Amino acid sequence: MRLSLASLQAGSHASSGSTPSRSRARPFRLVLGLLFALPAARAGYDATLAVANLSIPSEWWRESFAMLGAIAVGSTAWARVSMQTNPALRLGVTLRPIQPPNGATTTGR
């Protein structure tokens, strides 16, 4: 439980933008991503291997499917951790409030 709490605190620190330079933030985000992706890949390997043991008689095929499961789960975890939380703005695009639905009033009338 300590590892996951430390990872969450580190993630909130990295996403808050409190690091002074981007060059130091990149290795930190890499380590943070690996803290989540590597255990997820191991869990994907173990889960896929357990299911493969129930139905596949060949050892080689079981290991092959387990490796594919590890790659799928690990890459999904990596993608979710590495997603940007803020949208990248293009030149000329500004963030503004969402328009209310048709017929809705915006004042307290």
C-alpha atoms as a PDB file:
ATOM      1  CA  MET A   1       0.000   0.000   0.000  1.00  0.00           C
ATOM      2  CA  ARG A   2       2.898   2.366   0.626  1.00  0.00           C
ATOM      3  CA  LEU A   3       4.113   2.035  -2.929  1.00  0.00           C
ATOM      4  CA  SER A   4       0.746   2.948  -4.386  1.00  0.00           C
ATOM      5  CA  LEU A   5       0.318   5.949  -2.064  1.00  0.00           C
ATOM      6  CA  ALA A   6       3.807   7.151  -2.912  1.00  0.00           C
ATOM      7  CA  SER A   7       3.054   6.707  -6.595  1.00  0.00           C
ATOM      8  CA  LEU A   8      -0.150   8.710  -6.301  1.00  0.00           C
ATOM      9  CA  GLN A   9       1.619  11.499  -4.432  1.00  0.00           C
ATOM     10  CA  ALA A  10       4.382  11.522  -7.007  1.00  0.00           C
ATOM     11  CA  GLY A  11       1.814  11.606  -9.799  1.00  0.00           C
ATOM     12  CA  SER A  12      -0.016  14.554  -8.290  1.00  0.00           C
ATOM     13  CA  HIS A  13       3.336  16.326  -7.856  1.00  0.00           C
ATOM     14  CA  ALA A  14       4.260  15.698 -11.505  1.00  0.00           C
ATOM     15  CA  SER A  15       0.897  16.791 -12.883  1.00  0.00           C
ATOM     16  CA  SER A  16       0.689  19.928 -10.747  1.00  0.00           C
ATOM     17  CA  GLY A  17       3.446  21.555 -12.754  1.00  0.00           C
ATOM     18  CA  SER A  18       5.522  22.332  -9.688  1.00  0.00           C
ATOM     19  CA  THR A  19       8.764  21.082 -11.225  1.00  0.00           C
ATOM     20  CA  PRO A  20      10.964  23.986 -12.313  1.00  0.00           C
ATOM     21  CA  SER A  21      12.103  22.580 -15.655  1.00  0.00           C
ATOM     22  CA  ARG A  22      10.749  20.148 -18.211  1.00  0.00           C
ATOM     23  CA  SER A  23      14.094  18.377 -18.471  1.00  0.00           C
ATOM     24  CA  ARG A  24      13.758  17.124 -14.901  1.00  0.00           C
ATOM     25  CA  ALA A  25      10.073  16.284 -15.319  1.00  0.00           C
ATOM     26  CA  ARG A  26      10.603  13.830 -18.182  1.00  0.00           C
ATOM     27  CA  PRO A  27      12.732  11.279 -16.293  1.00  0.00           C
ATOM     28  CA  PHE A  28      10.378  11.617 -13.339  1.00  0.00           C
ATOM     29  CA  ARG A  29       7.361  10.878 -15.532  1.00  0.00           C
ATOM     30  CA  LEU A  30       9.216   7.942 -17.094  1.00  0.00           C
ATOM     31  CA  VAL A  31       9.881   6.404 -13.684  1.00  0.00           C
ATOM     32  CA  LEU A  32       6.304   7.073 -12.625  1.00  0.00           C
ATOM     33  CA  GLY A  33       4.969   5.411 -15.762  1.00  0.00           C
ATOM     34  CA  LEU A  34       7.180   2.379 -15.189  1.00  0.00           C
ATOM     35  CA  LEU A  35       5.956   2.140 -11.578  1.00  0.00           C
ATOM     36  CA  PHE A  36       2.484   1.506 -12.977  1.00  0.00           C
ATOM     37  CA  ALA A  37       3.199  -0.271 -16.274  1.00  0.00           C
ATOM     38  CA  LEU A  38       5.619  -2.961 -15.076  1.00  0.00           C
ATOM     39  CA  PRO A  39       3.378  -4.404 -12.331  1.00  0.00           C
ATOM     40  CA  ALA A  40       0.433  -4.225 -14.720  1.00  0.00           C
ATOM     41  CA  ALA A  41       2.405  -6.147 -17.336  1.00  0.00           C
ATOM     42  CA  ARG A  42       3.292  -8.789 -14.763  1.00  0.00           C
ATOM     43  CA  ALA A  43      -0.359  -9.072 -13.742  1.00  0.00           C
ATOM     44  CA  GLY A  44      -1.382  -9.391 -17.392  1.00  0.00           C
ATOM     45  CA  TYR A  45       1.180 -12.158 -17.876  1.00  0.00           C
ATOM     46  CA  ASP A  46       0.005 -14.075 -14.810  1.00  0.00           C
ATOM     47  CA  ALA A  47      -3.692 -13.709 -15.620  1.00  0.00           C
ATOM     48  CA  THR A  48      -3.264 -14.751 -19.239  1.00  0.00           C
ATOM     49  CA  LEU A  49      -1.078 -17.686 -18.273  1.00  0.00           C
ATOM     50  CA  ALA A  50      -3.672 -18.859 -15.746  1.00  0.00           C
ATOM     51  CA  VAL A  51      -6.423 -18.786 -18.365  1.00  0.00           C
ATOM     52  CA  ALA A  52      -4.154 -20.442 -20.934  1.00  0.00           C
ATOM     53  CA  ASN A  53      -3.343 -23.260 -18.477  1.00  0.00           C
ATOM     54  CA  LEU A  54      -7.035 -24.154 -18.465  1.00  0.00           C
ATOM     55  CA  SER A  55      -7.384 -24.623 -22.186  1.00  0.00           C
ATOM     56  CA  ILE A  56      -4.071 -24.855 -24.073  1.00  0.00           C
ATOM     57  CA  PRO A  57      -2.090 -28.111 -23.806  1.00  0.00           C
ATOM     58  CA  SER A  58       1.159 -26.875 -25.377  1.00  0.00           C
ATOM     59  CA  GLU A  59       3.612 -25.103 -23.059  1.00  0.00           C
ATOM     60  CA  TRP A  60       4.999 -22.995 -25.889  1.00  0.00           C
ATOM     61  CA  TRP A  61       1.563 -21.664 -26.850  1.00  0.00           C
ATOM     62  CA  ARG A  62       0.706 -20.902 -23.214  1.00  0.00           C
ATOM     63  CA  GLU A  63       3.862 -18.825 -22.826  1.00  0.00           C
ATOM     64  CA  SER A  64       3.230 -17.085 -26.146  1.00  0.00           C
ATOM     65  CA  PHE A  65      -0.285 -16.061 -25.141  1.00  0.00           C
ATOM     66  CA  ALA A  66       0.959 -14.998 -21.712  1.00  0.00           C
ATOM     67  CA  MET A  67       3.556 -12.727 -23.331  1.00  0.00           C
ATOM     68  CA  LEU A  68       0.884 -11.207 -25.573  1.00  0.00           C
ATOM     69  CA  GLY A  69      -1.280 -10.605 -22.494  1.00  0.00           C
ATOM     70  CA  ALA A  70       1.633  -8.911 -20.726  1.00  0.00           C
ATOM     71  CA  ILE A  71       2.276  -6.665 -23.717  1.00  0.00           C
ATOM     72  CA  ALA A  72      -1.406  -5.744 -24.049  1.00  0.00           C
ATOM     73  CA  VAL A  73      -1.970  -4.946 -20.375  1.00  0.00           C
ATOM     74  CA  GLY A  74       1.384  -3.222 -19.879  1.00  0.00           C
ATOM     75  CA  SER A  75       0.995  -1.018 -22.943  1.00  0.00           C
ATOM     76  CA  THR A  76      -2.547  -0.093 -21.921  1.00  0.00           C
ATOM     77  CA  ALA A  77      -1.338   0.918 -18.455  1.00  0.00           C
ATOM     78  CA  TRP A  78       1.528   2.898 -19.990  1.00  0.00           C
ATOM     79  CA  ALA A  79      -0.850   4.704 -22.347  1.00  0.00           C
ATOM     80  CA  ARG A  80      -3.235   5.616 -19.555  1.00  0.00           C
ATOM     81  CA  VAL A  81      -0.487   6.948 -17.300  1.00  0.00           C
ATOM     82  CA  SER A  82       1.192   8.930 -20.064  1.00  0.00           C
ATOM     83  CA  MET A  83      -1.965  10.674 -21.324  1.00  0.00           C
ATOM     84  CA  GLN A  84      -1.896  14.425 -21.079  1.00  0.00           C
ATOM     85  CA  THR A  85      -4.385  15.848 -18.630  1.00  0.00           C
ATOM     86  CA  ASN A  86      -4.597  19.290 -20.220  1.00  0.00           C
ATOM     87  CA  PRO A  87      -5.566  19.707 -23.871  1.00  0.00           C
ATOM     88  CA  ALA A  88      -2.865  21.130 -26.088  1.00  0.00           C
ATOM     89  CA  LEU A  89      -3.990  24.487 -27.378  1.00  0.00           C
ATOM     90  CA  ARG A  90      -3.420  25.499 -30.968  1.00  0.00           C
ATOM     91  CA  LEU A  91      -2.719  29.014 -32.082  1.00  0.00           C
ATOM     92  CA  GLY A  92      -5.951  30.991 -32.015  1.00  0.00           C
ATOM     93  CA  VAL A  93      -7.890  28.484 -29.867  1.00  0.00           C
ATOM     94  CA  THR A  94      -8.954  29.529 -26.382  1.00  0.00           C
ATOM     95  CA  LEU A  95     -10.663  27.677 -23.564  1.00  0.00           C
ATOM     96  CA  ARG A  96     -14.116  29.023 -22.782  1.00  0.00           C
ATOM     97  CA  PRO A  97     -17.116  27.787 -20.839  1.00  0.00           C
ATOM     98  CA  ILE A  98     -19.343  25.186 -22.449  1.00  0.00           C
ATOM     99  CA  GLN A  99     -22.494  26.620 -23.992  1.00  0.00           C
ATOM    100  CA  PRO A 100     -25.736  25.756 -22.189  1.00  0.00           C
ATOM    101  CA  PRO A 101     -28.262  23.541 -23.992  1.00  0.00           C
ATOM    102  CA  ASN A 102     -30.897  25.181 -26.208  1.00  0.00           C
ATOM    103  CA  GLY A 103     -33.576  26.906 -24.181  1.00  0.00           C
ATOM    104  CA  ALA A 104     -31.607  26.957 -20.933  1.00  0.00           C
ATOM    105  CA  THR A 105     -31.163  30.279 -19.211  1.00  0.00           C
ATOM    106  CA  THR A 106     -27.840  31.374 -17.890  1.00  0.00           C
ATOM    107  CA  THR A 107     -29.151  33.870 -15.341  1.00  0.00           C
ATOM    108  CA  GLY A 108     -31.302  33.281 -12.298  1.00  0.00           C
ATOM    109  CA  ARG A 109     -34.533  34.530 -13.932  1.00  0.00           C
END
